[in-house]
Structure formats: C-alpha cells, structure tokens
C-alpha cells in the first residue's frame, strides 16, 4: 500500500509547476490533497472536478491566509499528515538596482510563508506525527549573484527548518527540505526584476531542465522515506560540496556561470 493512501497532504503554491505535479501525484497515490494559491480561478482550472481535492484561496505572504488554509484542511478532514511548503518566487536583478520591496516580497512569500503555514499546521502534525517538507534551492546553500533576495529567503528557510527539526527531534514529527535543480516550471517566468515587475521570459532553455513531474516524484518519495535533506542534481551536489571545501573557487565559478546566462545583469559590472 502506498505511503500516501488516505493521508491528508497540504500543498502551497499548487496552481502550476512543481506544486501542481505534487498534488496530482499525491492524489494518484491515494492521498486527500488540499491545495492553495492566490488565484482561485486558475487553481480550480488547473485540476478541474477531481475527487479528493480541497481548494483554498490563500496568499502565503499573509499570516491570516496561512492560518485559514490549514483551518480549512482540518475542517474538511480533521488532520494534517504532510505539509509541503512549495509556494515561492525568485528574482533576477543586481542588488544595487533592486528596490527593497522586491527583497521584502521574496522574504514574505518564501520565508514567512513557510514559517506561518508550518506554525499553523504544527499542532496537527504533532498529533499525526507527520512530515513538514519545504521546497528550497541550491540558493539556500550557496548565494547566487543577481538573486540576493532569493538566496536570502532560502538561507532563512533552511535555517528555520534545521532549528525546527532539532526542536522536534523526539516528537515524531519529521522536518526536511529538498533542493531541486533548475526545473521546468513557471517560477522564472514570474521572477521579479529590479522594480518588482514580472520578468515574463526565462533566460534558460526549459526543454533541457528537469520536469516538474520528475521533481515531484523525487519529493514525494523522499517524504515517504523521511529523508533528511535532498539535493537533486549532480550540479547541485557539486556546488554544495565545492562551496564547503573551496569557497573562493566556488565564487569564481558561480559568477562565471551566471555571467554567461542570456542577458545577465552581471554584464553591467564587466563593462566598468
């Protein structure tokens, strides 16, 4: 029998990309799945009329919305077995040019969304001895140029999750995070630019990236196996390893990598 059979799984940011794939696959595994997103119409059109799914309109940057999301899950099914903090946005702009509101928005969604949803779900996870899993990034291990706010939010997320895991060590609640590599999803299309506007176009060749479905399968399997942390790609594992052992070299290699991406903001400094 599947680990997810009759489990109650709550997924934030589920209207597209990894969140959508997580919800779809959990449903197929027999879970009861609650999904939330800011756009209720888009959320419902993503899944349609499917049994075993609960739709909640919620903006995770708002504490009250996070509380209401979890309250609706418990009202519907009486429990929470798995919380997946997936909602997130990224950015692409030099820190020198980025308006403070951009970094604040990333922190509100990526970090505070995780904190507030987890806080609301924790009493129920303690009862079910469940799992809280946050979707992080290599940017949570290694700061990435032109993504200062994104890196800060993921570093903060991982620090929070690590501290919480240690607090809950003897409670039966499992706390973990996963770090996908570059994944084909909507996150780069809605990435914030320096003034907070939407980037619209991705600098990456999406066809060469891990699919959201493959990423979701790894995440769900890792939750079932109660993995500690998961870095999904060889490039990601190499980056984490090099950053620990050869940090100065990692600086140079990471800078070069992002300098070479299409329309890199780092070109500005190369021209000085």
C-alpha atoms as a PDB file:
ATOM      1  CA  UNK A   1       0.000   0.000   0.000  1.00  0.00           C
ATOM      2  CA  UNK A   2       1.204   3.479  -0.824  1.00  0.00           C
ATOM      3  CA  UNK A   3       2.527   5.657   1.998  1.00  0.00           C
ATOM      4  CA  UNK A   4       0.041   8.315   0.850  1.00  0.00           C
ATOM      5  CA  UNK A   5      -3.095   6.169   0.969  1.00  0.00           C
ATOM      6  CA  UNK A   6      -5.688   8.154   2.977  1.00  0.00           C
ATOM      7  CA  UNK A   7      -3.028  10.645   4.135  1.00  0.00           C
ATOM      8  CA  UNK A   8      -4.009  14.335   4.244  1.00  0.00           C
ATOM      9  CA  UNK A   9      -1.459  16.317   2.249  1.00  0.00           C
ATOM     10  CA  UNK A  10      -1.428  20.133   2.104  1.00  0.00           C
ATOM     11  CA  UNK A  11       0.488  21.779  -0.739  1.00  0.00           C
ATOM     12  CA  UNK A  12       1.057  25.526  -1.100  1.00  0.00           C
ATOM     13  CA  UNK A  13       1.588  27.211  -4.446  1.00  0.00           C
ATOM     14  CA  UNK A  14      -0.149  24.429  -6.349  1.00  0.00           C
ATOM     15  CA  UNK A  15      -1.570  26.188  -9.413  1.00  0.00           C
ATOM     16  CA  UNK A  16       1.423  25.361 -11.628  1.00  0.00           C
ATOM     17  CA  UNK A  17       4.844  23.747 -11.837  1.00  0.00           C
ATOM     18  CA  UNK A  18       6.151  21.583  -9.012  1.00  0.00           C
ATOM     19  CA  UNK A  19       3.158  22.285  -6.754  1.00  0.00           C
ATOM     20  CA  UNK A  20       0.706  21.137  -9.408  1.00  0.00           C
ATOM     21  CA  UNK A  21       2.728  17.985 -10.074  1.00  0.00           C
ATOM     22  CA  UNK A  22       2.965  17.234  -6.331  1.00  0.00           C
ATOM     23  CA  UNK A  23      -0.789  17.491  -5.891  1.00  0.00           C
ATOM     24  CA  UNK A  24      -1.574  15.368  -8.955  1.00  0.00           C
ATOM     25  CA  UNK A  25       0.831  12.601  -7.976  1.00  0.00           C
ATOM     26  CA  UNK A  26      -0.272  12.569  -4.326  1.00  0.00           C
ATOM     27  CA  UNK A  27      -3.884  12.195  -5.491  1.00  0.00           C
ATOM     28  CA  UNK A  28      -2.891   9.238  -7.660  1.00  0.00           C
ATOM     29  CA  UNK A  29      -1.211   7.680  -4.618  1.00  0.00           C
ATOM     30  CA  UNK A  30      -4.478   7.815  -2.708  1.00  0.00           C
ATOM     31  CA  UNK A  31      -4.000  10.967  -0.640  1.00  0.00           C
ATOM     32  CA  UNK A  32      -6.568  13.587   0.200  1.00  0.00           C
ATOM     33  CA  UNK A  33      -4.933  16.764  -1.091  1.00  0.00           C
ATOM     34  CA  UNK A  34      -5.506  20.388  -0.114  1.00  0.00           C
ATOM     35  CA  UNK A  35      -4.077  22.984  -2.475  1.00  0.00           C
ATOM     36  CA  UNK A  36      -3.806  26.733  -2.200  1.00  0.00           C
ATOM     37  CA  UNK A  37      -2.790  29.611  -4.435  1.00  0.00           C
ATOM     38  CA  UNK A  38      -3.552  33.303  -4.759  1.00  0.00           C
ATOM     39  CA  UNK A  39      -5.649  32.858  -7.912  1.00  0.00           C
ATOM     40  CA  UNK A  40      -8.639  30.627  -7.131  1.00  0.00           C
ATOM     41  CA  UNK A  41      -9.892  30.548 -10.715  1.00  0.00           C
ATOM     42  CA  UNK A  42      -6.519  29.380 -12.002  1.00  0.00           C
ATOM     43  CA  UNK A  43      -6.229  26.865  -9.179  1.00  0.00           C
ATOM     44  CA  UNK A  44      -9.567  25.241  -9.984  1.00  0.00           C
ATOM     45  CA  UNK A  45      -8.948  25.240 -13.733  1.00  0.00           C
ATOM     46  CA  UNK A  46      -5.611  23.506 -13.132  1.00  0.00           C
ATOM     47  CA  UNK A  47      -7.220  20.417 -11.589  1.00  0.00           C
ATOM     48  CA  UNK A  48     -10.855  20.549 -12.641  1.00  0.00           C
ATOM     49  CA  UNK A  49     -13.527  18.456 -10.966  1.00  0.00           C
ATOM     50  CA  UNK A  50     -11.392  15.892  -9.155  1.00  0.00           C
ATOM     51  CA  UNK A  51     -12.394  13.838  -6.135  1.00  0.00           C
ATOM     52  CA  UNK A  52     -10.259  14.087  -3.018  1.00  0.00           C
ATOM     53  CA  UNK A  53      -9.054  17.660  -3.526  1.00  0.00           C
ATOM     54  CA  UNK A  54      -9.756  20.777  -1.490  1.00  0.00           C
ATOM     55  CA  UNK A  55      -9.266  24.230  -2.992  1.00  0.00           C
ATOM     56  CA  UNK A  56      -8.380  27.184  -0.774  1.00  0.00           C
ATOM     57  CA  UNK A  57      -7.571  30.678  -2.000  1.00  0.00           C
ATOM     58  CA  UNK A  58      -4.598  31.864   0.023  1.00  0.00           C
ATOM     59  CA  UNK A  59      -1.647  34.190  -0.303  1.00  0.00           C
ATOM     60  CA  UNK A  60       1.066  32.665   1.883  1.00  0.00           C
ATOM     61  CA  UNK A  61       2.693  36.063   2.390  1.00  0.00           C
ATOM     62  CA  UNK A  62      -0.285  36.831   4.651  1.00  0.00           C
ATOM     63  CA  UNK A  63      -0.305  35.187   8.054  1.00  0.00           C
ATOM     64  CA  UNK A  64      -4.102  35.076   8.239  1.00  0.00           C
ATOM     65  CA  UNK A  65      -4.300  33.293   4.882  1.00  0.00           C
ATOM     66  CA  UNK A  66      -1.830  30.654   6.075  1.00  0.00           C
ATOM     67  CA  UNK A  67      -3.916  30.069   9.195  1.00  0.00           C
ATOM     68  CA  UNK A  68      -7.119  29.878   7.176  1.00  0.00           C
ATOM     69  CA  UNK A  69      -5.587  27.379   4.736  1.00  0.00           C
ATOM     70  CA  UNK A  70      -4.687  24.948   7.492  1.00  0.00           C
ATOM     71  CA  UNK A  71      -8.003  25.554   9.296  1.00  0.00           C
ATOM     72  CA  UNK A  72      -9.892  24.643   6.113  1.00  0.00           C
ATOM     73  CA  UNK A  73      -7.866  21.431   5.748  1.00  0.00           C
ATOM     74  CA  UNK A  74      -8.604  20.384   9.335  1.00  0.00           C
ATOM     75  CA  UNK A  75     -12.269  21.351   8.964  1.00  0.00           C
ATOM     76  CA  UNK A  76     -12.552  19.134   5.886  1.00  0.00           C
ATOM     77  CA  UNK A  77     -10.581  16.096   7.031  1.00  0.00           C
ATOM     78  CA  UNK A  78      -9.738  16.510  10.712  1.00  0.00           C
ATOM     79  CA  UNK A  79      -5.978  16.172  10.367  1.00  0.00           C
ATOM     80  CA  UNK A  80      -2.784  17.122   8.535  1.00  0.00           C
ATOM     81  CA  UNK A  81      -0.286  14.371   7.791  1.00  0.00           C
ATOM     82  CA  UNK A  82       2.033  16.117   5.345  1.00  0.00           C
ATOM     83  CA  UNK A  83       2.629  19.818   4.763  1.00  0.00           C
ATOM     84  CA  UNK A  84       4.632  20.757   1.669  1.00  0.00           C
ATOM     85  CA  UNK A  85       5.744  24.390   1.673  1.00  0.00           C
ATOM     86  CA  UNK A  86       6.175  24.809  -2.063  1.00  0.00           C
ATOM     87  CA  UNK A  87       4.967  28.358  -2.779  1.00  0.00           C
ATOM     88  CA  UNK A  88       7.791  30.619  -3.865  1.00  0.00           C
ATOM     89  CA  UNK A  89       9.044  33.277  -6.241  1.00  0.00           C
ATOM     90  CA  UNK A  90      12.501  34.256  -7.424  1.00  0.00           C
ATOM     91  CA  UNK A  91      14.207  37.379  -8.744  1.00  0.00           C
ATOM     92  CA  UNK A  92      16.818  38.440 -11.272  1.00  0.00           C
ATOM     93  CA  UNK A  93      18.413  41.805 -10.613  1.00  0.00           C
ATOM     94  CA  UNK A  94      21.583  43.298  -9.207  1.00  0.00           C
ATOM     95  CA  UNK A  95      21.293  44.178  -5.528  1.00  0.00           C
ATOM     96  CA  UNK A  96      22.497  47.686  -6.371  1.00  0.00           C
ATOM     97  CA  UNK A  97      19.436  48.181  -8.572  1.00  0.00           C
ATOM     98  CA  UNK A  98      16.807  46.129  -6.749  1.00  0.00           C
ATOM     99  CA  UNK A  99      14.160  48.041  -4.849  1.00  0.00           C
ATOM    100  CA  UNK A 100      13.790  46.938  -1.203  1.00  0.00           C
ATOM    101  CA  UNK A 101      10.163  45.944  -1.836  1.00  0.00           C
ATOM    102  CA  UNK A 102      11.386  43.172  -4.162  1.00  0.00           C
ATOM    103  CA  UNK A 103      13.506  41.511  -1.488  1.00  0.00           C
ATOM    104  CA  UNK A 104      10.752  42.042   1.068  1.00  0.00           C
ATOM    105  CA  UNK A 105       8.236  40.276  -1.190  1.00  0.00           C
ATOM    106  CA  UNK A 106      10.544  37.294  -1.596  1.00  0.00           C
ATOM    107  CA  UNK A 107      11.056  37.059   2.150  1.00  0.00           C
ATOM    108  CA  UNK A 108       7.311  37.356   2.781  1.00  0.00           C
ATOM    109  CA  UNK A 109       6.466  34.504   0.402  1.00  0.00           C
ATOM    110  CA  UNK A 110       9.467  32.180   0.538  1.00  0.00           C
ATOM    111  CA  UNK A 111      10.394  32.535   4.208  1.00  0.00           C
ATOM    112  CA  UNK A 112       7.380  33.859   6.102  1.00  0.00           C
ATOM    113  CA  UNK A 113       5.012  31.720   4.037  1.00  0.00           C
ATOM    114  CA  UNK A 114       6.931  28.670   5.210  1.00  0.00           C
ATOM    115  CA  UNK A 115       7.048  29.856   8.821  1.00  0.00           C
ATOM    116  CA  UNK A 116       3.365  30.774   9.044  1.00  0.00           C
ATOM    117  CA  UNK A 117       1.989  27.669   7.312  1.00  0.00           C
ATOM    118  CA  UNK A 118       4.225  25.456   9.441  1.00  0.00           C
ATOM    119  CA  UNK A 119       3.219  27.234  12.626  1.00  0.00           C
ATOM    120  CA  UNK A 120      -0.470  26.760  11.861  1.00  0.00           C
ATOM    121  CA  UNK A 121      -0.026  23.104  10.903  1.00  0.00           C
ATOM    122  CA  UNK A 122       2.314  22.116  13.739  1.00  0.00           C
ATOM    123  CA  UNK A 123      -0.291  21.118  16.369  1.00  0.00           C
ATOM    124  CA  UNK A 124      -1.886  18.794  13.827  1.00  0.00           C
ATOM    125  CA  UNK A 125       1.465  17.408  12.665  1.00  0.00           C
ATOM    126  CA  UNK A 126       2.336  16.687  16.292  1.00  0.00           C
ATOM    127  CA  UNK A 127      -0.895  14.708  16.611  1.00  0.00           C
ATOM    128  CA  UNK A 128      -0.321  12.748  13.409  1.00  0.00           C
ATOM    129  CA  UNK A 129       3.467  12.504  13.812  1.00  0.00           C
ATOM    130  CA  UNK A 130       3.538  13.828  10.293  1.00  0.00           C
ATOM    131  CA  UNK A 131       6.012  15.441   7.932  1.00  0.00           C
ATOM    132  CA  UNK A 132       6.714  19.043   7.037  1.00  0.00           C
ATOM    133  CA  UNK A 133       8.761  19.445   3.865  1.00  0.00           C
ATOM    134  CA  UNK A 134       9.893  22.741   2.369  1.00  0.00           C
ATOM    135  CA  UNK A 135      10.982  23.182  -1.230  1.00  0.00           C
ATOM    136  CA  UNK A 136      14.236  25.103  -1.100  1.00  0.00           C
ATOM    137  CA  UNK A 137      17.031  25.576  -3.621  1.00  0.00           C
ATOM    138  CA  UNK A 138      20.770  25.397  -4.082  1.00  0.00           C
ATOM    139  CA  UNK A 139      20.441  29.141  -3.406  1.00  0.00           C
ATOM    140  CA  UNK A 140      19.819  28.108   0.220  1.00  0.00           C
ATOM    141  CA  UNK A 141      23.329  26.638   0.393  1.00  0.00           C
ATOM    142  CA  UNK A 142      25.215  28.957  -1.943  1.00  0.00           C
ATOM    143  CA  UNK A 143      24.421  32.630  -2.568  1.00  0.00           C
ATOM    144  CA  UNK A 144      23.723  33.342  -6.228  1.00  0.00           C
ATOM    145  CA  UNK A 145      24.576  36.663  -7.914  1.00  0.00           C
ATOM    146  CA  UNK A 146      21.664  38.777  -9.157  1.00  0.00           C
ATOM    147  CA  UNK A 147      19.454  36.696  -6.857  1.00  0.00           C
ATOM    148  CA  UNK A 148      20.341  38.175  -3.485  1.00  0.00           C
ATOM    149  CA  UNK A 149      16.772  38.299  -2.178  1.00  0.00           C
ATOM    150  CA  UNK A 150      16.036  34.777  -3.358  1.00  0.00           C
ATOM    151  CA  UNK A 151      19.209  33.419  -1.771  1.00  0.00           C
ATOM    152  CA  UNK A 152      18.485  35.245   1.480  1.00  0.00           C
ATOM    153  CA  UNK A 153      14.963  33.821   1.636  1.00  0.00           C
ATOM    154  CA  UNK A 154      16.151  30.252   1.035  1.00  0.00           C
ATOM    155  CA  UNK A 155      19.029  30.527   3.528  1.00  0.00           C
ATOM    156  CA  UNK A 156      16.485  31.768   6.077  1.00  0.00           C
ATOM    157  CA  UNK A 157      14.087  28.946   5.220  1.00  0.00           C
ATOM    158  CA  UNK A 158      16.756  26.284   5.681  1.00  0.00           C
ATOM    159  CA  UNK A 159      17.946  27.783   8.960  1.00  0.00           C
ATOM    160  CA  UNK A 160      14.383  27.782  10.243  1.00  0.00           C
ATOM    161  CA  UNK A 161      13.795  24.201   9.135  1.00  0.00           C
ATOM    162  CA  UNK A 162      17.046  22.961  10.660  1.00  0.00           C
ATOM    163  CA  UNK A 163      16.321  24.615  14.004  1.00  0.00           C
ATOM    164  CA  UNK A 164      12.759  23.265  13.969  1.00  0.00           C
ATOM    165  CA  UNK A 165      13.959  19.764  13.113  1.00  0.00           C
ATOM    166  CA  UNK A 166      16.238  19.824  16.137  1.00  0.00           C
ATOM    167  CA  UNK A 167      13.459  21.138  18.403  1.00  0.00           C
ATOM    168  CA  UNK A 168      11.113  18.376  17.281  1.00  0.00           C
ATOM    169  CA  UNK A 169      13.708  15.611  17.310  1.00  0.00           C
ATOM    170  CA  UNK A 170      11.852  13.461  19.869  1.00  0.00           C
ATOM    171  CA  UNK A 171       8.260  14.300  18.918  1.00  0.00           C
ATOM    172  CA  UNK A 172       7.785  12.013  15.923  1.00  0.00           C
ATOM    173  CA  UNK A 173       7.371  14.943  13.529  1.00  0.00           C
ATOM    174  CA  UNK A 174       9.786  14.765  10.616  1.00  0.00           C
ATOM    175  CA  UNK A 175      11.200  18.038   9.275  1.00  0.00           C
ATOM    176  CA  UNK A 176      13.028  18.145   5.944  1.00  0.00           C
ATOM    177  CA  UNK A 177      13.773  20.228   2.892  1.00  0.00           C
ATOM    178  CA  UNK A 178      14.518  19.428  -0.716  1.00  0.00           C
ATOM    179  CA  UNK A 179      16.565  21.343  -3.275  1.00  0.00           C
ATOM    180  CA  UNK A 180      15.601  20.863  -6.899  1.00  0.00           C
ATOM    181  CA  UNK A 181      18.000  21.915  -9.598  1.00  0.00           C
ATOM    182  CA  UNK A 182      16.788  24.065 -12.458  1.00  0.00           C
ATOM    183  CA  UNK A 183      13.295  22.695 -13.061  1.00  0.00           C
ATOM    184  CA  UNK A 184      10.868  23.398 -15.865  1.00  0.00           C
ATOM    185  CA  UNK A 185       8.215  25.439 -14.086  1.00  0.00           C
ATOM    186  CA  UNK A 186       6.593  28.842 -14.044  1.00  0.00           C
ATOM    187  CA  UNK A 187       8.856  30.299 -11.347  1.00  0.00           C
ATOM    188  CA  UNK A 188      11.286  32.032 -13.712  1.00  0.00           C
ATOM    189  CA  UNK A 189       8.516  33.438 -15.871  1.00  0.00           C
ATOM    190  CA  UNK A 190       7.106  35.251 -12.856  1.00  0.00           C
ATOM    191  CA  UNK A 191      10.524  36.177 -11.437  1.00  0.00           C
ATOM    192  CA  UNK A 192      10.781  39.731 -10.177  1.00  0.00           C
ATOM    193  CA  UNK A 193      13.015  42.294 -11.826  1.00  0.00           C
ATOM    194  CA  UNK A 194      14.691  45.229 -10.077  1.00  0.00           C
ATOM    195  CA  UNK A 195      11.478  47.249  -9.756  1.00  0.00           C
ATOM    196  CA  UNK A 196       9.264  44.304  -8.834  1.00  0.00           C
ATOM    197  CA  UNK A 197       7.737  43.807 -12.267  1.00  0.00           C
ATOM    198  CA  UNK A 198       7.434  40.308 -13.724  1.00  0.00           C
ATOM    199  CA  UNK A 199      10.337  39.081 -15.848  1.00  0.00           C
ATOM    200  CA  UNK A 200       7.925  37.254 -18.242  1.00  0.00           C
ATOM    201  CA  UNK A 201      10.630  35.379 -20.146  1.00  0.00           C
ATOM    202  CA  UNK A 202      13.050  32.791 -18.780  1.00  0.00           C
ATOM    203  CA  UNK A 203      16.783  33.004 -19.591  1.00  0.00           C
ATOM    204  CA  UNK A 204      17.002  29.196 -19.586  1.00  0.00           C
ATOM    205  CA  UNK A 205      16.210  26.542 -22.158  1.00  0.00           C
ATOM    206  CA  UNK A 206      13.272  24.899 -20.379  1.00  0.00           C
ATOM    207  CA  UNK A 207      13.454  21.785 -22.578  1.00  0.00           C
ATOM    208  CA  UNK A 208      16.836  20.889 -21.048  1.00  0.00           C
ATOM    209  CA  UNK A 209      15.633  21.126 -17.456  1.00  0.00           C
ATOM    210  CA  UNK A 210      14.226  18.530 -15.062  1.00  0.00           C
ATOM    211  CA  UNK A 211      10.477  18.240 -15.490  1.00  0.00           C
ATOM    212  CA  UNK A 212       8.162  19.302 -12.689  1.00  0.00           C
ATOM    213  CA  UNK A 213       6.751  15.759 -12.693  1.00  0.00           C
ATOM    214  CA  UNK A 214      10.158  14.157 -12.146  1.00  0.00           C
ATOM    215  CA  UNK A 215      10.944  16.663  -9.411  1.00  0.00           C
ATOM    216  CA  UNK A 216       7.614  15.978  -7.672  1.00  0.00           C
ATOM    217  CA  UNK A 217       8.186  12.222  -7.795  1.00  0.00           C
ATOM    218  CA  UNK A 218      11.547  12.641  -6.048  1.00  0.00           C
ATOM    219  CA  UNK A 219       9.998  14.894  -3.396  1.00  0.00           C
ATOM    220  CA  UNK A 220       7.107  12.537  -2.635  1.00  0.00           C
ATOM    221  CA  UNK A 221       9.411   9.531  -2.465  1.00  0.00           C
ATOM    222  CA  UNK A 222      11.775  11.424  -0.150  1.00  0.00           C
ATOM    223  CA  UNK A 223       8.909  12.371   2.164  1.00  0.00           C
ATOM    224  CA  UNK A 224       7.723   8.763   2.334  1.00  0.00           C
ATOM    225  CA  UNK A 225      11.271   7.662   3.181  1.00  0.00           C
ATOM    226  CA  UNK A 226      11.696  10.540   5.664  1.00  0.00           C
ATOM    227  CA  UNK A 227      14.902  11.742   4.106  1.00  0.00           C
ATOM    228  CA  UNK A 228      16.850  14.386   5.980  1.00  0.00           C
ATOM    229  CA  UNK A 229      17.604  16.675   3.036  1.00  0.00           C
ATOM    230  CA  UNK A 230      17.676  16.065  -0.700  1.00  0.00           C
ATOM    231  CA  UNK A 231      19.847  17.856  -3.281  1.00  0.00           C
ATOM    232  CA  UNK A 232      18.507  16.539  -6.551  1.00  0.00           C
ATOM    233  CA  UNK A 233      21.079  17.125  -9.255  1.00  0.00           C
ATOM    234  CA  UNK A 234      24.749  16.374  -9.784  1.00  0.00           C
ATOM    235  CA  UNK A 235      25.402  20.031 -10.476  1.00  0.00           C
ATOM    236  CA  UNK A 236      23.692  20.969  -7.225  1.00  0.00           C
ATOM    237  CA  UNK A 237      25.629  18.415  -5.178  1.00  0.00           C
ATOM    238  CA  UNK A 238      28.896  19.576  -6.739  1.00  0.00           C
ATOM    239  CA  UNK A 239      28.062  23.204  -5.966  1.00  0.00           C
ATOM    240  CA  UNK A 240      27.307  22.441  -2.302  1.00  0.00           C
ATOM    241  CA  UNK A 241      30.472  20.356  -1.974  1.00  0.00           C
ATOM    242  CA  UNK A 242      32.734  22.915  -3.659  1.00  0.00           C
ATOM    243  CA  UNK A 243      31.282  25.762  -1.650  1.00  0.00           C
ATOM    244  CA  UNK A 244      32.224  23.956   1.568  1.00  0.00           C
ATOM    245  CA  UNK A 245      35.716  22.898   0.544  1.00  0.00           C
ATOM    246  CA  UNK A 246      36.816  25.549  -1.973  1.00  0.00           C
ATOM    247  CA  UNK A 247      34.712  28.661  -1.320  1.00  0.00           C
ATOM    248  CA  UNK A 248      36.911  31.126  -3.233  1.00  0.00           C
ATOM    249  CA  UNK A 249      36.902  28.907  -6.296  1.00  0.00           C
ATOM    250  CA  UNK A 250      33.146  28.497  -5.935  1.00  0.00           C
ATOM    251  CA  UNK A 251      32.776  32.292  -6.015  1.00  0.00           C
ATOM    252  CA  UNK A 252      34.559  32.448  -9.353  1.00  0.00           C
ATOM    253  CA  UNK A 253      32.737  29.517 -10.920  1.00  0.00           C
ATOM    254  CA  UNK A 254      29.290  30.652  -9.799  1.00  0.00           C
ATOM    255  CA  UNK A 255      29.976  34.190 -11.030  1.00  0.00           C
ATOM    256  CA  UNK A 256      31.092  32.882 -14.420  1.00  0.00           C
ATOM    257  CA  UNK A 257      28.064  30.623 -14.720  1.00  0.00           C
ATOM    258  CA  UNK A 258      25.594  33.439 -14.143  1.00  0.00           C
ATOM    259  CA  UNK A 259      27.588  35.924 -16.213  1.00  0.00           C
ATOM    260  CA  UNK A 260      27.139  33.613 -19.196  1.00  0.00           C
ATOM    261  CA  UNK A 261      23.371  33.306 -18.972  1.00  0.00           C
ATOM    262  CA  UNK A 262      21.382  35.260 -21.594  1.00  0.00           C
ATOM    263  CA  UNK A 263      21.011  38.972 -20.769  1.00  0.00           C
ATOM    264  CA  UNK A 264      22.891  38.556 -17.499  1.00  0.00           C
ATOM    265  CA  UNK A 265      22.632  41.593 -15.181  1.00  0.00           C
ATOM    266  CA  UNK A 266      26.283  40.930 -14.252  1.00  0.00           C
ATOM    267  CA  UNK A 267      27.379  42.313 -17.622  1.00  0.00           C
ATOM    268  CA  UNK A 268      26.999  45.766 -16.094  1.00  0.00           C
ATOM    269  CA  UNK A 269      29.999  45.142 -13.831  1.00  0.00           C
ATOM    270  CA  UNK A 270      32.030  43.654 -16.648  1.00  0.00           C
ATOM    271  CA  UNK A 271      31.712  46.907 -18.585  1.00  0.00           C
ATOM    272  CA  UNK A 272      33.073  49.065 -15.779  1.00  0.00           C
END
